[in-house]
Amino acid sequence: MIVKRPLSTPQSNAAENRGTFLPQVAGRRMRATNGFTLVETLVAIAVLTIAIVAPMSLTTQSLSSAYYARDQVTAFHLAQEAIEAVRSVRDGNVLSNAFGEPADLLSGFPSTSDEPFIVDTRDNTMTLCPAQTCPPLQTDGNFYGYGGGAAGWADTRFTREVRAQFVSEPDEIRVSVTVRWATGAQSARSFTISENLFRWVDDGSAQ
């Protein structure tokens, strides 16, 4: 027995092909495909941006903190270095008295009335700061000091200011060292330490 299939109509063809083919365009039938909508694309871009920016921001903050910690440690050592240099000058005068060469224990201090001065720890020379403003420390890549315009010396971000003032004249004097610096775009920082020095040897200055 032969069963005849009814003739298809345009309406039945459209219903049969719905969801499988797009309408015929320029004589060609285009197959429908699934894709991303604009909203899905924007969400994907936002997620990707957050995934990239967050770690990079954390890395930047970590580096900034590391640089600040490095400079803070350097500032502390520079301040302590100046204290040791001033003490060394005092102790050198003590030795002069011990060897029979009378000398004021504070000889070499440019000021004992709280005026700012600098100390070059390469030779322990001390100089009053011009106009109450101390110049920045310099370095040659190995040492900190004041090159005086010599080749190879360049300014650093650190400024070191030393002050000396009597606490109990003439036996006790307080030496304070302040180091100022700025790390990158951060605001300027400062660090101050102080130490009291005594005339623990009779140098005749009190008479």
N, C-alpha and C. Protein backbone atom coordinates (compact mmCIF):
# COMPACT_ATOMS: atom_id res chain seq x y z
N MET A 1 0.85 -1.17 0.00
CA MET A 1 0.00 0.00 0.00
C MET A 1 0.89 1.22 0.00
N ILE A 2 0.60 2.11 -0.79
CA ILE A 2 1.41 3.33 -0.93
C ILE A 2 0.67 4.46 -0.26
N VAL A 3 1.40 5.09 0.70
CA VAL A 3 0.80 6.22 1.41
C VAL A 3 1.36 7.48 0.83
N LYS A 4 0.53 8.29 0.38
CA LYS A 4 0.95 9.55 -0.21
C LYS A 4 1.09 10.60 0.88
N ARG A 5 2.26 11.29 0.85
CA ARG A 5 2.52 12.39 1.81
C ARG A 5 1.87 13.64 1.28
N PRO A 6 1.15 14.28 2.15
CA PRO A 6 0.50 15.50 1.66
C PRO A 6 1.52 16.55 1.28
N LEU A 7 1.14 17.32 0.32
CA LEU A 7 2.02 18.39 -0.14
C LEU A 7 2.22 19.39 0.98
N SER A 8 3.48 19.81 1.11
CA SER A 8 3.78 20.80 2.14
C SER A 8 3.40 22.17 1.67
N THR A 9 3.06 22.96 2.62
CA THR A 9 2.69 24.34 2.32
C THR A 9 3.75 25.26 2.90
N PRO A 10 3.81 26.49 2.45
CA PRO A 10 4.80 27.44 3.01
C PRO A 10 4.66 27.57 4.51
N GLN A 11 3.38 27.49 5.03
CA GLN A 11 3.20 27.62 6.46
C GLN A 11 3.81 26.44 7.22
N SER A 12 3.59 25.20 6.64
CA SER A 12 4.15 24.03 7.32
C SER A 12 5.66 24.02 7.26
N ASN A 13 6.23 24.46 6.14
CA ASN A 13 7.70 24.53 6.04
C ASN A 13 8.27 25.50 7.08
N ALA A 14 7.60 26.62 7.24
CA ALA A 14 8.09 27.61 8.20
C ALA A 14 8.03 27.05 9.61
N ALA A 15 6.92 26.33 9.92
CA ALA A 15 6.80 25.74 11.25
C ALA A 15 7.83 24.66 11.49
N GLU A 16 8.11 23.88 10.43
CA GLU A 16 9.07 22.77 10.55
C GLU A 16 10.48 23.29 10.76
N ASN A 17 10.78 24.38 10.10
CA ASN A 17 12.16 24.87 10.15
C ASN A 17 12.38 25.92 11.25
N ARG A 18 11.36 26.22 12.00
CA ARG A 18 11.49 27.25 13.02
C ARG A 18 12.48 26.78 14.10
N GLY A 19 13.42 27.67 14.45
CA GLY A 19 14.42 27.32 15.47
C GLY A 19 15.62 26.63 14.89
N THR A 20 15.56 26.25 13.61
CA THR A 20 16.70 25.58 13.00
C THR A 20 17.41 26.49 12.02
N PHE A 21 16.64 27.21 11.24
CA PHE A 21 17.24 28.09 10.23
C PHE A 21 16.68 29.49 10.39
N LEU A 22 17.54 30.44 10.11
CA LEU A 22 17.09 31.81 10.06
C LEU A 22 16.45 32.07 8.71
N PRO A 23 15.70 33.13 8.58
CA PRO A 23 15.08 33.42 7.27
C PRO A 23 16.13 33.48 6.17
N GLN A 24 15.70 33.18 5.01
CA GLN A 24 16.60 33.17 3.85
C GLN A 24 17.05 34.60 3.54
N VAL A 25 18.34 34.77 3.41
CA VAL A 25 18.92 36.07 3.11
C VAL A 25 19.77 35.95 1.87
N ALA A 26 19.44 36.73 0.89
CA ALA A 26 20.20 36.75 -0.38
C ALA A 26 20.36 35.35 -0.94
N GLY A 27 19.32 34.58 -0.89
CA GLY A 27 19.36 33.25 -1.49
C GLY A 27 20.04 32.21 -0.63
N ARG A 28 20.47 32.56 0.60
CA ARG A 28 21.17 31.58 1.45
C ARG A 28 20.44 31.48 2.77
N ARG A 29 20.39 30.29 3.30
CA ARG A 29 19.74 30.07 4.59
C ARG A 29 20.81 30.02 5.69
N MET A 30 20.70 30.87 6.73
CA MET A 30 21.70 30.98 7.80
C MET A 30 21.26 30.16 9.00
N ARG A 31 22.18 29.35 9.53
CA ARG A 31 21.87 28.51 10.68
C ARG A 31 21.96 29.36 11.96
N ALA A 32 20.98 29.24 12.83
CA ALA A 32 20.98 29.99 14.09
C ALA A 32 22.03 29.44 15.04
N THR A 33 22.75 30.34 15.72
CA THR A 33 23.76 29.94 16.69
C THR A 33 23.54 30.72 17.98
N ASN A 34 23.96 30.09 19.10
CA ASN A 34 23.85 30.76 20.39
C ASN A 34 25.03 31.72 20.56
N GLY A 35 24.86 32.92 21.15
CA GLY A 35 25.92 33.90 21.35
C GLY A 35 25.71 34.65 22.65
N PHE A 36 26.67 35.57 22.96
CA PHE A 36 26.60 36.38 24.17
C PHE A 36 25.79 37.64 23.89
N THR A 37 25.00 37.98 24.85
CA THR A 37 24.28 39.24 24.73
C THR A 37 25.20 40.36 25.18
N LEU A 38 24.83 41.59 24.96
CA LEU A 38 25.64 42.75 25.34
C LEU A 38 25.82 42.79 26.85
N VAL A 39 24.78 42.47 27.60
CA VAL A 39 24.87 42.49 29.06
C VAL A 39 25.86 41.45 29.56
N GLU A 40 25.80 40.25 28.96
CA GLU A 40 26.74 39.19 29.37
C GLU A 40 28.18 39.60 29.07
N THR A 41 28.39 40.24 27.95
CA THR A 41 29.73 40.69 27.58
C THR A 41 30.25 41.73 28.57
N LEU A 42 29.39 42.69 28.94
CA LEU A 42 29.80 43.72 29.88
C LEU A 42 30.11 43.13 31.25
N VAL A 43 29.32 42.16 31.68
CA VAL A 43 29.58 41.51 32.96
C VAL A 43 30.92 40.77 32.93
N ALA A 44 31.17 40.08 31.82
CA ALA A 44 32.44 39.34 31.69
C ALA A 44 33.62 40.30 31.74
N ILE A 45 33.50 41.45 31.06
CA ILE A 45 34.59 42.43 31.07
C ILE A 45 34.80 42.99 32.48
N ALA A 46 33.69 43.24 33.19
CA ALA A 46 33.80 43.77 34.55
C ALA A 46 34.50 42.78 35.47
N VAL A 47 34.13 41.52 35.37
CA VAL A 47 34.76 40.49 36.21
C VAL A 47 36.24 40.37 35.89
N LEU A 48 36.58 40.39 34.61
CA LEU A 48 37.99 40.30 34.21
C LEU A 48 38.78 41.49 34.70
N THR A 49 38.18 42.67 34.62
CA THR A 49 38.87 43.88 35.09
C THR A 49 39.15 43.80 36.59
N ILE A 50 38.16 43.37 37.37
CA ILE A 50 38.37 43.23 38.81
C ILE A 50 39.44 42.21 39.12
N ALA A 51 39.43 41.12 38.37
CA ALA A 51 40.42 40.05 38.61
C ALA A 51 41.84 40.52 38.31
N ILE A 52 42.00 41.49 37.40
CA ILE A 52 43.34 41.98 37.04
C ILE A 52 43.75 43.15 37.92
N VAL A 53 42.82 44.09 38.13
CA VAL A 53 43.16 45.32 38.84
C VAL A 53 43.42 45.07 40.32
N ALA A 54 42.62 44.23 40.97
CA ALA A 54 42.78 44.00 42.41
C ALA A 54 44.18 43.50 42.79
N PRO A 55 44.71 42.45 42.14
CA PRO A 55 46.07 42.02 42.49
C PRO A 55 47.12 43.07 42.18
N MET A 56 46.95 43.81 41.08
CA MET A 56 47.94 44.84 40.75
C MET A 56 47.91 45.97 41.77
N SER A 57 46.72 46.33 42.23
CA SER A 57 46.62 47.36 43.27
C SER A 57 47.27 46.90 44.56
N LEU A 58 47.08 45.64 44.90
CA LEU A 58 47.70 45.08 46.11
C LEU A 58 49.21 45.08 45.97
N THR A 59 49.71 44.75 44.78
CA THR A 59 51.15 44.75 44.55
C THR A 59 51.73 46.15 44.68
N THR A 60 51.03 47.14 44.14
CA THR A 60 51.49 48.52 44.23
C THR A 60 51.57 48.98 45.67
N GLN A 61 50.54 48.65 46.46
CA GLN A 61 50.55 49.03 47.87
C GLN A 61 51.67 48.32 48.64
N SER A 62 51.91 47.07 48.29
CA SER A 62 52.98 46.33 48.96
C SER A 62 54.34 46.94 48.65
N LEU A 63 54.57 47.31 47.39
CA LEU A 63 55.84 47.94 47.02
C LEU A 63 55.99 49.28 47.71
N SER A 64 54.91 50.06 47.78
CA SER A 64 54.97 51.35 48.45
C SER A 64 55.32 51.18 49.92
N SER A 65 54.73 50.20 50.58
CA SER A 65 55.04 49.94 51.99
C SER A 65 56.48 49.48 52.17
N ALA A 66 56.96 48.68 51.23
CA ALA A 66 58.35 48.20 51.31
C ALA A 66 59.33 49.35 51.15
N TYR A 67 59.07 50.27 50.21
CA TYR A 67 59.94 51.42 50.02
C TYR A 67 59.93 52.33 51.24
N TYR A 68 58.73 52.51 51.82
CA TYR A 68 58.64 53.36 53.02
C TYR A 68 59.41 52.73 54.17
N ALA A 69 59.27 51.42 54.36
CA ALA A 69 60.00 50.74 55.43
C ALA A 69 61.51 50.85 55.21
N ARG A 70 61.95 50.71 53.96
CA ARG A 70 63.38 50.85 53.65
C ARG A 70 63.89 52.23 54.03
N ASP A 71 63.15 53.28 53.65
CA ASP A 71 63.58 54.65 53.95
C ASP A 71 63.51 54.94 55.44
N GLN A 72 62.54 54.35 56.13
CA GLN A 72 62.44 54.57 57.57
C GLN A 72 63.63 53.96 58.30
N VAL A 73 64.04 52.77 57.89
CA VAL A 73 65.21 52.14 58.49
C VAL A 73 66.47 52.97 58.20
N THR A 74 66.58 53.46 56.96
CA THR A 74 67.73 54.30 56.60
C THR A 74 67.76 55.57 57.43
N ALA A 75 66.59 56.20 57.61
CA ALA A 75 66.51 57.42 58.42
C ALA A 75 66.94 57.16 59.86
N PHE A 76 66.53 56.04 60.41
CA PHE A 76 66.93 55.71 61.78
C PHE A 76 68.45 55.57 61.88
N HIS A 77 69.05 54.86 60.94
CA HIS A 77 70.51 54.67 60.98
C HIS A 77 71.26 55.98 60.76
N LEU A 78 70.73 56.85 59.90
CA LEU A 78 71.37 58.15 59.68
C LEU A 78 71.32 59.00 60.95
N ALA A 79 70.20 58.95 61.65
CA ALA A 79 70.08 59.71 62.90
C ALA A 79 71.03 59.15 63.96
N GLN A 80 71.08 57.84 64.11
CA GLN A 80 71.97 57.23 65.08
C GLN A 80 73.43 57.48 64.73
N GLU A 81 73.73 57.51 63.44
CA GLU A 81 75.09 57.78 62.99
C GLU A 81 75.56 59.16 63.45
N ALA A 82 74.67 60.16 63.34
CA ALA A 82 75.03 61.52 63.77
C ALA A 82 75.26 61.59 65.26
N ILE A 83 74.41 60.89 66.04
CA ILE A 83 74.61 60.85 67.49
C ILE A 83 75.98 60.27 67.83
N GLU A 84 76.35 59.18 67.15
CA GLU A 84 77.64 58.54 67.40
C GLU A 84 78.79 59.47 67.02
N ALA A 85 78.61 60.25 65.95
CA ALA A 85 79.68 61.17 65.53
C ALA A 85 79.88 62.27 66.56
N VAL A 86 78.78 62.82 67.08
CA VAL A 86 78.89 63.87 68.10
C VAL A 86 79.53 63.31 69.37
N ARG A 87 79.14 62.11 69.75
CA ARG A 87 79.75 61.50 70.93
C ARG A 87 81.24 61.26 70.70
N SER A 88 81.59 60.88 69.48
CA SER A 88 83.00 60.63 69.17
C SER A 88 83.83 61.90 69.33
N VAL A 89 83.27 63.04 68.93
CA VAL A 89 83.99 64.31 69.10
C VAL A 89 84.18 64.60 70.59
N ARG A 90 83.13 64.40 71.37
CA ARG A 90 83.24 64.61 72.83
C ARG A 90 84.31 63.70 73.42
N ASP A 91 84.29 62.42 73.03
CA ASP A 91 85.26 61.46 73.57
C ASP A 91 86.68 61.78 73.11
N GLY A 92 86.82 62.33 71.91
CA GLY A 92 88.15 62.74 71.44
C GLY A 92 88.72 63.85 72.30
N ASN A 93 87.86 64.76 72.73
CA ASN A 93 88.31 65.82 73.63
C ASN A 93 88.67 65.27 75.00
N VAL A 94 87.96 64.21 75.43
CA VAL A 94 88.31 63.55 76.69
C VAL A 94 89.73 62.98 76.59
N LEU A 95 90.03 62.34 75.47
CA LEU A 95 91.38 61.78 75.29
C LEU A 95 92.44 62.86 75.27
N SER A 96 92.12 64.01 74.69
CA SER A 96 93.09 65.11 74.68
C SER A 96 93.43 65.53 76.11
N ASN A 97 92.40 65.62 76.96
CA ASN A 97 92.65 65.96 78.35
C ASN A 97 93.46 64.87 79.05
N ALA A 98 93.17 63.61 78.71
CA ALA A 98 93.89 62.50 79.33
C ALA A 98 95.37 62.51 78.98
N PHE A 99 95.69 63.00 77.79
CA PHE A 99 97.08 63.06 77.35
C PHE A 99 97.74 64.39 77.67
N GLY A 100 97.11 65.16 78.53
CA GLY A 100 97.72 66.40 78.99
C GLY A 100 97.52 67.58 78.08
N GLU A 101 96.58 67.51 77.14
CA GLU A 101 96.29 68.63 76.26
C GLU A 101 94.90 69.17 76.62
N PRO A 102 94.83 70.21 77.45
CA PRO A 102 93.54 70.71 77.91
C PRO A 102 92.63 71.09 76.74
N ALA A 103 91.39 70.63 76.81
CA ALA A 103 90.41 70.93 75.75
C ALA A 103 89.02 70.86 76.34
N ASP A 104 88.18 71.80 75.94
CA ASP A 104 86.78 71.77 76.34
C ASP A 104 86.15 70.51 75.74
N LEU A 105 85.40 69.75 76.55
CA LEU A 105 84.80 68.52 76.04
C LEU A 105 83.83 68.78 74.90
N LEU A 106 83.30 69.98 74.80
CA LEU A 106 82.36 70.32 73.73
C LEU A 106 83.03 71.10 72.61
N SER A 107 84.34 71.12 72.61
CA SER A 107 85.06 71.80 71.54
C SER A 107 84.77 71.12 70.20
N GLY A 108 84.44 71.92 69.20
CA GLY A 108 84.09 71.37 67.90
C GLY A 108 82.60 71.46 67.63
N PHE A 109 81.79 71.65 68.69
CA PHE A 109 80.35 71.85 68.51
C PHE A 109 80.13 73.27 67.97
N PRO A 110 79.50 73.42 66.82
CA PRO A 110 79.31 74.78 66.29
C PRO A 110 78.30 75.59 67.09
N SER A 111 77.44 74.93 67.86
CA SER A 111 76.44 75.64 68.66
C SER A 111 75.96 74.75 69.79
N THR A 112 75.79 75.37 70.97
CA THR A 112 75.18 74.67 72.09
C THR A 112 73.92 75.43 72.55
N SER A 113 73.35 76.23 71.65
CA SER A 113 72.16 77.02 71.97
C SER A 113 71.00 76.67 71.04
N ASP A 114 70.91 75.40 70.65
CA ASP A 114 69.79 74.87 69.87
C ASP A 114 69.75 75.38 68.43
N GLU A 115 70.86 75.84 67.90
CA GLU A 115 70.91 76.21 66.49
C GLU A 115 71.19 74.96 65.65
N PRO A 116 70.54 74.80 64.49
CA PRO A 116 70.73 73.59 63.69
C PRO A 116 72.10 73.57 63.01
N PHE A 117 72.71 72.41 62.98
CA PHE A 117 73.98 72.25 62.27
C PHE A 117 74.03 70.84 61.67
N ILE A 118 74.97 70.65 60.77
CA ILE A 118 75.14 69.35 60.12
C ILE A 118 76.46 68.74 60.59
N VAL A 119 76.54 67.43 60.49
CA VAL A 119 77.76 66.72 60.82
C VAL A 119 78.06 65.75 59.68
N ASP A 120 79.27 65.84 59.16
CA ASP A 120 79.72 64.92 58.12
C ASP A 120 80.46 63.78 58.81
N THR A 121 79.85 62.62 58.85
CA THR A 121 80.39 61.52 59.64
C THR A 121 81.64 60.90 59.02
N ARG A 122 82.02 61.35 57.83
CA ARG A 122 83.26 60.83 57.25
C ARG A 122 84.47 61.33 58.02
N ASP A 123 84.39 62.58 58.55
CA ASP A 123 85.49 63.11 59.34
C ASP A 123 85.00 63.83 60.59
N ASN A 124 83.70 63.72 60.88
CA ASN A 124 83.07 64.30 62.07
C ASN A 124 83.15 65.83 62.11
N THR A 125 83.26 66.48 60.97
CA THR A 125 83.22 67.93 60.94
C THR A 125 81.78 68.41 61.10
N MET A 126 81.61 69.51 61.83
CA MET A 126 80.28 70.06 62.08
C MET A 126 80.23 71.50 61.59
N THR A 127 79.10 71.85 60.95
CA THR A 127 78.94 73.18 60.36
C THR A 127 77.52 73.67 60.59
N LEU A 128 77.40 74.94 60.98
CA LEU A 128 76.08 75.52 61.16
C LEU A 128 75.33 75.56 59.84
N CYS A 129 74.01 75.31 59.88
CA CYS A 129 73.19 75.35 58.68
C CYS A 129 72.95 76.81 58.27
N PRO A 130 73.16 77.14 57.01
CA PRO A 130 72.92 78.52 56.58
C PRO A 130 71.45 78.87 56.64
N ALA A 131 71.15 80.05 57.21
CA ALA A 131 69.79 80.57 57.28
C ALA A 131 68.84 79.57 57.96
N GLN A 132 69.36 78.82 58.93
CA GLN A 132 68.56 77.86 59.70
C GLN A 132 67.99 76.72 58.84
N THR A 133 68.49 76.56 57.63
CA THR A 133 68.00 75.51 56.73
C THR A 133 69.15 74.59 56.36
N CYS A 134 69.07 73.33 56.79
CA CYS A 134 70.15 72.39 56.52
C CYS A 134 70.02 71.80 55.12
N PRO A 135 71.14 71.64 54.42
CA PRO A 135 71.10 71.07 53.07
C PRO A 135 70.82 69.57 53.12
N PRO A 136 70.35 68.98 52.03
CA PRO A 136 70.10 67.54 52.02
C PRO A 136 71.40 66.75 52.08
N LEU A 137 71.31 65.60 52.67
CA LEU A 137 72.46 64.69 52.67
C LEU A 137 72.77 64.27 51.23
N GLN A 138 74.03 63.98 50.98
CA GLN A 138 74.46 63.51 49.68
C GLN A 138 75.06 62.11 49.79
N THR A 139 75.20 61.46 48.66
CA THR A 139 75.81 60.14 48.64
C THR A 139 76.61 59.95 47.37
N ASP A 140 77.65 59.15 47.48
CA ASP A 140 78.43 58.78 46.29
C ASP A 140 78.12 57.35 45.86
N GLY A 141 77.06 56.79 46.42
CA GLY A 141 76.70 55.41 46.12
C GLY A 141 77.13 54.44 47.20
N ASN A 142 78.06 54.88 48.05
CA ASN A 142 78.54 54.03 49.13
C ASN A 142 78.37 54.66 50.51
N PHE A 143 78.64 55.96 50.60
CA PHE A 143 78.59 56.65 51.88
C PHE A 143 77.65 57.84 51.79
N TYR A 144 77.13 58.23 52.97
CA TYR A 144 76.35 59.45 53.09
C TYR A 144 77.25 60.54 53.68
N GLY A 145 77.09 61.73 53.17
CA GLY A 145 77.88 62.85 53.67
C GLY A 145 77.53 64.11 52.90
N TYR A 146 78.53 64.99 52.81
CA TYR A 146 78.36 66.24 52.06
C TYR A 146 79.56 66.37 51.14
N GLY A 147 79.33 66.11 49.86
CA GLY A 147 80.43 66.07 48.91
C GLY A 147 81.02 67.41 48.56
N GLY A 148 80.30 68.50 48.88
CA GLY A 148 80.83 69.82 48.58
C GLY A 148 81.00 70.08 47.10
N GLY A 149 80.14 69.49 46.27
CA GLY A 149 80.24 69.71 44.83
C GLY A 149 81.19 68.78 44.12
N ALA A 150 81.77 67.83 44.85
CA ALA A 150 82.71 66.89 44.22
C ALA A 150 81.96 65.99 43.24
N ALA A 151 82.70 65.55 42.22
CA ALA A 151 82.10 64.68 41.21
C ALA A 151 81.68 63.36 41.84
N GLY A 152 80.52 62.85 41.40
CA GLY A 152 80.03 61.58 41.88
C GLY A 152 79.12 61.68 43.08
N TRP A 153 79.00 62.88 43.66
CA TRP A 153 78.12 63.05 44.81
C TRP A 153 76.80 63.67 44.35
N ALA A 154 75.68 63.15 44.85
CA ALA A 154 74.36 63.64 44.45
C ALA A 154 73.47 63.74 45.69
N ASP A 155 72.52 64.67 45.63
CA ASP A 155 71.58 64.85 46.74
C ASP A 155 70.71 63.60 46.92
N THR A 156 70.37 63.32 48.17
CA THR A 156 69.45 62.24 48.49
C THR A 156 68.11 62.85 48.92
N ARG A 157 67.16 61.99 49.27
CA ARG A 157 65.86 62.47 49.75
C ARG A 157 65.88 62.77 51.25
N PHE A 158 67.05 62.59 51.90
CA PHE A 158 67.14 62.75 53.35
C PHE A 158 67.81 64.08 53.72
N THR A 159 67.27 64.72 54.73
CA THR A 159 67.88 65.91 55.32
C THR A 159 68.09 65.64 56.81
N ARG A 160 69.33 65.86 57.28
CA ARG A 160 69.66 65.57 58.67
C ARG A 160 70.04 66.86 59.39
N GLU A 161 69.37 67.10 60.50
CA GLU A 161 69.55 68.33 61.28
C GLU A 161 69.94 67.96 62.70
N VAL A 162 71.04 68.53 63.20
CA VAL A 162 71.54 68.25 64.55
C VAL A 162 71.42 69.52 65.39
N ARG A 163 70.97 69.36 66.63
CA ARG A 163 70.87 70.47 67.57
C ARG A 163 71.45 70.04 68.91
N ALA A 164 72.10 71.00 69.59
CA ALA A 164 72.67 70.74 70.92
C ALA A 164 72.25 71.87 71.85
N GLN A 165 71.82 71.52 73.04
CA GLN A 165 71.36 72.52 74.00
C GLN A 165 71.62 72.02 75.42
N PHE A 166 72.08 72.94 76.28
CA PHE A 166 72.36 72.56 77.66
C PHE A 166 71.07 72.22 78.39
N VAL A 167 71.13 71.12 79.15
CA VAL A 167 70.05 70.75 80.05
C VAL A 167 70.38 71.25 81.45
N SER A 168 71.62 71.05 81.84
CA SER A 168 72.12 71.54 83.13
C SER A 168 73.52 72.06 82.88
N GLU A 169 73.62 73.35 82.67
CA GLU A 169 74.92 73.95 82.33
C GLU A 169 75.82 73.97 83.56
N PRO A 170 77.09 73.61 83.45
CA PRO A 170 77.78 73.22 82.21
C PRO A 170 78.02 71.73 82.11
N ASP A 171 77.27 70.91 82.87
CA ASP A 171 77.59 69.48 82.99
C ASP A 171 76.83 68.57 82.04
N GLU A 172 75.66 68.99 81.56
CA GLU A 172 74.82 68.08 80.77
C GLU A 172 74.27 68.81 79.55
N ILE A 173 74.38 68.15 78.41
CA ILE A 173 73.89 68.74 77.16
C ILE A 173 73.08 67.69 76.40
N ARG A 174 72.00 68.12 75.79
CA ARG A 174 71.15 67.20 75.01
C ARG A 174 71.41 67.41 73.53
N VAL A 175 71.70 66.32 72.85
CA VAL A 175 71.91 66.35 71.40
C VAL A 175 70.73 65.68 70.74
N SER A 176 70.07 66.39 69.83
CA SER A 176 68.91 65.85 69.10
C SER A 176 69.22 65.83 67.61
N VAL A 177 68.80 64.77 66.96
CA VAL A 177 69.01 64.61 65.52
C VAL A 177 67.65 64.35 64.87
N THR A 178 67.31 65.15 63.88
CA THR A 178 66.06 64.99 63.14
C THR A 178 66.38 64.69 61.68
N VAL A 179 65.82 63.62 61.18
CA VAL A 179 65.99 63.24 59.77
C VAL A 179 64.63 63.37 59.09
N ARG A 180 64.59 64.11 58.00
CA ARG A 180 63.36 64.29 57.22
C ARG A 180 63.55 63.67 55.84
N TRP A 181 62.47 63.10 55.32
CA TRP A 181 62.51 62.50 53.99
C TRP A 181 61.11 62.34 53.45
N ALA A 182 61.01 62.07 52.16
CA ALA A 182 59.73 61.79 51.51
C ALA A 182 59.92 60.61 50.58
N THR A 183 58.99 59.65 50.64
CA THR A 183 59.05 58.45 49.81
C THR A 183 57.99 58.54 48.72
N GLY A 184 58.41 58.68 47.46
CA GLY A 184 57.46 58.74 46.36
C GLY A 184 56.49 59.89 46.52
N ALA A 185 55.22 59.58 46.33
CA ALA A 185 54.18 60.61 46.42
C ALA A 185 53.66 60.79 47.83
N GLN A 186 54.21 60.06 48.79
CA GLN A 186 53.75 60.18 50.17
C GLN A 186 54.21 61.51 50.77
N SER A 187 53.52 61.95 51.79
CA SER A 187 53.87 63.20 52.45
C SER A 187 55.21 63.07 53.17
N ALA A 188 55.84 64.21 53.42
CA ALA A 188 57.15 64.21 54.07
C ALA A 188 57.06 63.62 55.48
N ARG A 189 58.08 62.87 55.84
CA ARG A 189 58.14 62.24 57.16
C ARG A 189 59.36 62.77 57.91
N SER A 190 59.35 62.59 59.22
CA SER A 190 60.50 63.00 60.02
C SER A 190 60.68 62.02 61.18
N PHE A 191 61.90 61.93 61.63
CA PHE A 191 62.25 61.00 62.71
C PHE A 191 63.28 61.70 63.58
N THR A 192 63.07 61.73 64.88
CA THR A 192 63.96 62.43 65.80
C THR A 192 64.38 61.52 66.94
N ILE A 193 65.68 61.52 67.23
CA ILE A 193 66.19 60.83 68.41
C ILE A 193 67.07 61.82 69.16
N SER A 194 67.27 61.59 70.43
CA SER A 194 68.09 62.48 71.24
C SER A 194 68.85 61.68 72.29
N GLU A 195 69.93 62.29 72.76
CA GLU A 195 70.75 61.65 73.78
C GLU A 195 71.43 62.73 74.59
N ASN A 196 71.58 62.50 75.89
CA ASN A 196 72.25 63.45 76.77
C ASN A 196 73.72 63.07 76.93
N LEU A 197 74.59 64.07 76.80
CA LEU A 197 76.02 63.88 76.99
C LEU A 197 76.45 64.64 78.24
N PHE A 198 77.43 64.09 78.92
CA PHE A 198 77.86 64.67 80.20
C PHE A 198 79.35 65.01 80.17
N ARG A 199 79.71 65.98 81.00
CA ARG A 199 81.12 66.25 81.23
C ARG A 199 81.58 65.31 82.36
N TRP A 200 81.96 64.12 81.98
CA TRP A 200 82.33 63.16 83.00
C TRP A 200 83.83 63.18 83.29
N VAL A 201 84.51 64.18 82.69
CA VAL A 201 85.91 64.42 82.97
C VAL A 201 86.08 65.92 83.28
N ASP A 202 86.84 66.26 84.28
CA ASP A 202 87.08 67.66 84.62
C ASP A 202 88.03 68.26 83.58
N ASP A 203 87.46 69.12 82.71
CA ASP A 203 88.30 69.75 81.68
C ASP A 203 88.59 71.20 82.00
N GLY A 204 88.21 71.64 83.21
CA GLY A 204 88.49 73.00 83.61
C GLY A 204 87.53 74.02 83.07
N SER A 205 86.53 73.60 82.30
CA SER A 205 85.62 74.56 81.68
C SER A 205 84.66 75.18 82.69
N ALA A 206 84.44 74.47 83.79
CA ALA A 206 83.50 74.98 84.79
C ALA A 206 84.15 76.01 85.72
N GLN A 207 85.43 76.26 85.58
CA GLN A 207 86.11 77.19 86.48
C GLN A 207 86.33 78.53 85.80
